Each structure stands twice: as C-alpha cells, then as structure tokens.
Amino acid sequence: MDTSKIIYSINIEDVQNVAEEELGRKLNNKELKIIEDKIGDCIDWYESILFTITNNGIKK
C-alpha cells in the first residue's frame, strides 16, 4: 500500500459547516488561517488511531 496515501482529511467546507452551525456565520480568511495553523494541535491523532484499531477487532 502507498504509505503516503491520505486516510482522512478536513477541508474548508467542513470547517465552515461547523462555524455556521456553532457561530451562525462563516469564518473569514484570517479565522480560517488560525484553524489551519492550530487544528493539528487539537486532534489527538495517536489516540484516534488506537481507538479505531482496538474498537474494530484488529489484533497483534
């Protein structure tokens, strides 16, 4: 398998959908840049991957 293949991604539409639902408006370019720069710090990738592995019967 191609190890550089992207398994999951979040796009601007995803971010704007959440902003509209939670804030009642779309984010501006400055706010989107903040999200772009910081979102990786907010997602615990290791735990997300481990949770998915263990909850789908994948064994050693």
N, C-alpha and C. Protein backbone atom coordinates (compact mmCIF):
# COMPACT_ATOMS: atom_id res chain seq x y z
N MET A 1 0.85 -1.18 0.00
CA MET A 1 0.00 0.00 0.00
C MET A 1 0.89 1.24 0.00
N ASP A 2 0.43 2.28 -0.67
CA ASP A 2 1.13 3.55 -0.73
C ASP A 2 1.10 4.21 0.65
N THR A 3 2.25 4.29 1.32
CA THR A 3 2.30 4.83 2.68
C THR A 3 2.06 6.33 2.75
N SER A 4 2.08 7.02 1.61
CA SER A 4 1.80 8.46 1.62
C SER A 4 0.33 8.77 1.35
N LYS A 5 -0.48 7.73 1.15
CA LYS A 5 -1.91 7.93 0.89
C LYS A 5 -2.58 8.60 2.10
N ILE A 6 -3.37 9.62 1.85
CA ILE A 6 -4.10 10.30 2.92
C ILE A 6 -5.33 9.48 3.27
N ILE A 7 -5.50 9.16 4.55
CA ILE A 7 -6.62 8.36 5.02
C ILE A 7 -7.81 9.23 5.39
N TYR A 8 -7.55 10.39 5.95
CA TYR A 8 -8.64 11.27 6.38
C TYR A 8 -8.17 12.71 6.28
N SER A 9 -9.05 13.58 5.88
CA SER A 9 -8.70 15.00 5.81
C SER A 9 -9.92 15.85 6.15
N ILE A 10 -9.64 17.07 6.52
CA ILE A 10 -10.69 18.05 6.82
C ILE A 10 -10.50 19.20 5.85
N ASN A 11 -11.57 19.61 5.19
CA ASN A 11 -11.44 20.70 4.23
C ASN A 11 -12.16 21.96 4.73
N ILE A 12 -12.03 23.02 3.98
CA ILE A 12 -12.64 24.31 4.34
C ILE A 12 -14.14 24.18 4.51
N GLU A 13 -14.78 23.42 3.64
CA GLU A 13 -16.23 23.23 3.75
C GLU A 13 -16.60 22.62 5.09
N ASP A 14 -15.82 21.63 5.55
CA ASP A 14 -16.08 21.02 6.86
C ASP A 14 -15.99 22.07 7.97
N VAL A 15 -14.96 22.88 7.92
CA VAL A 15 -14.75 23.93 8.93
C VAL A 15 -15.89 24.95 8.87
N GLN A 16 -16.25 25.37 7.68
CA GLN A 16 -17.32 26.37 7.54
C GLN A 16 -18.66 25.81 7.99
N ASN A 17 -18.92 24.54 7.74
CA ASN A 17 -20.17 23.93 8.21
C ASN A 17 -20.27 23.97 9.73
N VAL A 18 -19.17 23.66 10.41
CA VAL A 18 -19.16 23.72 11.87
C VAL A 18 -19.32 25.16 12.34
N ALA A 19 -18.62 26.09 11.71
CA ALA A 19 -18.73 27.51 12.09
C ALA A 19 -20.16 28.01 11.93
N GLU A 20 -20.78 27.68 10.82
CA GLU A 20 -22.16 28.13 10.61
C GLU A 20 -23.11 27.52 11.64
N GLU A 21 -22.90 26.26 11.96
CA GLU A 21 -23.76 25.58 12.94
C GLU A 21 -23.56 26.15 14.35
N GLU A 22 -22.32 26.40 14.71
CA GLU A 22 -22.00 26.82 16.08
C GLU A 22 -22.00 28.34 16.28
N LEU A 23 -21.60 29.08 15.25
CA LEU A 23 -21.49 30.54 15.37
C LEU A 23 -22.57 31.29 14.61
N GLY A 24 -23.25 30.59 13.72
CA GLY A 24 -24.26 31.23 12.90
C GLY A 24 -23.69 32.04 11.75
N ARG A 25 -22.42 31.81 11.41
CA ARG A 25 -21.78 32.53 10.32
C ARG A 25 -20.57 31.75 9.82
N LYS A 26 -20.10 32.14 8.65
CA LYS A 26 -18.87 31.57 8.11
C LYS A 26 -17.67 32.30 8.70
N LEU A 27 -16.54 31.63 8.72
CA LEU A 27 -15.29 32.25 9.17
C LEU A 27 -14.69 33.06 8.03
N ASN A 28 -13.98 34.11 8.40
CA ASN A 28 -13.27 34.90 7.39
C ASN A 28 -11.89 34.27 7.15
N ASN A 29 -11.15 34.81 6.20
CA ASN A 29 -9.85 34.24 5.84
C ASN A 29 -8.87 34.22 7.00
N LYS A 30 -8.86 35.26 7.82
CA LYS A 30 -7.97 35.31 8.98
C LYS A 30 -8.32 34.20 9.97
N GLU A 31 -9.60 34.02 10.22
CA GLU A 31 -10.05 32.97 11.14
C GLU A 31 -9.76 31.58 10.58
N LEU A 32 -9.95 31.41 9.28
CA LEU A 32 -9.64 30.12 8.65
C LEU A 32 -8.15 29.80 8.77
N LYS A 33 -7.30 30.80 8.65
CA LYS A 33 -5.86 30.60 8.79
C LYS A 33 -5.52 30.13 10.20
N ILE A 34 -6.18 30.69 11.19
CA ILE A 34 -5.98 30.25 12.58
C ILE A 34 -6.34 28.78 12.71
N ILE A 35 -7.49 28.40 12.17
CA ILE A 35 -7.91 27.00 12.22
C ILE A 35 -6.88 26.12 11.52
N GLU A 36 -6.46 26.53 10.34
CA GLU A 36 -5.48 25.77 9.57
C GLU A 36 -4.19 25.56 10.36
N ASP A 37 -3.72 26.59 11.03
CA ASP A 37 -2.47 26.52 11.78
C ASP A 37 -2.58 25.73 13.07
N LYS A 38 -3.75 25.70 13.69
CA LYS A 38 -3.89 25.14 15.04
C LYS A 38 -4.63 23.82 15.14
N ILE A 39 -5.40 23.42 14.13
CA ILE A 39 -6.27 22.26 14.28
C ILE A 39 -5.49 20.97 14.56
N GLY A 40 -4.32 20.86 13.98
CA GLY A 40 -3.50 19.67 14.23
C GLY A 40 -3.10 19.52 15.69
N ASP A 41 -3.00 20.64 16.40
CA ASP A 41 -2.66 20.61 17.82
C ASP A 41 -3.83 20.15 18.68
N CYS A 42 -5.03 20.20 18.13
CA CYS A 42 -6.24 19.88 18.89
C CYS A 42 -6.72 18.45 18.70
N ILE A 43 -6.18 17.78 17.71
CA ILE A 43 -6.62 16.42 17.41
C ILE A 43 -5.57 15.44 17.91
N ASP A 44 -5.97 14.55 18.79
CA ASP A 44 -5.06 13.53 19.31
C ASP A 44 -5.03 12.37 18.31
N TRP A 45 -4.14 12.50 17.31
CA TRP A 45 -4.08 11.52 16.23
C TRP A 45 -3.77 10.12 16.73
N TYR A 46 -2.82 10.00 17.67
CA TYR A 46 -2.43 8.69 18.18
C TYR A 46 -3.62 7.99 18.81
N GLU A 47 -4.30 8.68 19.70
CA GLU A 47 -5.46 8.07 20.38
C GLU A 47 -6.59 7.77 19.40
N SER A 48 -6.79 8.60 18.41
CA SER A 48 -7.83 8.34 17.40
C SER A 48 -7.52 7.07 16.62
N ILE A 49 -6.26 6.90 16.24
CA ILE A 49 -5.86 5.70 15.52
C ILE A 49 -5.96 4.48 16.42
N LEU A 50 -5.45 4.58 17.64
CA LEU A 50 -5.51 3.45 18.58
C LEU A 50 -6.95 3.06 18.88
N PHE A 51 -7.82 4.02 19.11
CA PHE A 51 -9.23 3.76 19.38
C PHE A 51 -9.85 2.99 18.22
N THR A 52 -9.57 3.43 17.01
CA THR A 52 -10.13 2.77 15.83
C THR A 52 -9.60 1.35 15.69
N ILE A 53 -8.33 1.16 15.95
CA ILE A 53 -7.75 -0.19 15.89
C ILE A 53 -8.41 -1.10 16.91
N THR A 54 -8.45 -0.67 18.16
CA THR A 54 -8.95 -1.54 19.22
C THR A 54 -10.45 -1.77 19.15
N ASN A 55 -11.20 -0.84 18.60
CA ASN A 55 -12.65 -0.99 18.53
C ASN A 55 -13.13 -1.66 17.24
N ASN A 56 -12.20 -2.13 16.45
CA ASN A 56 -12.57 -2.83 15.22
C ASN A 56 -11.95 -4.21 15.14
N GLY A 57 -11.59 -4.74 16.30
CA GLY A 57 -11.14 -6.12 16.38
C GLY A 57 -9.79 -6.41 15.77
N ILE A 58 -8.98 -5.38 15.56
CA ILE A 58 -7.65 -5.60 14.99
C ILE A 58 -6.73 -6.04 16.13
N LYS A 59 -6.09 -7.19 15.95
CA LYS A 59 -5.25 -7.80 16.99
C LYS A 59 -3.79 -7.83 16.56
N LYS A 60 -2.91 -8.07 17.55
CA LYS A 60 -1.48 -8.24 17.27
C LYS A 60 -1.24 -9.44 16.40
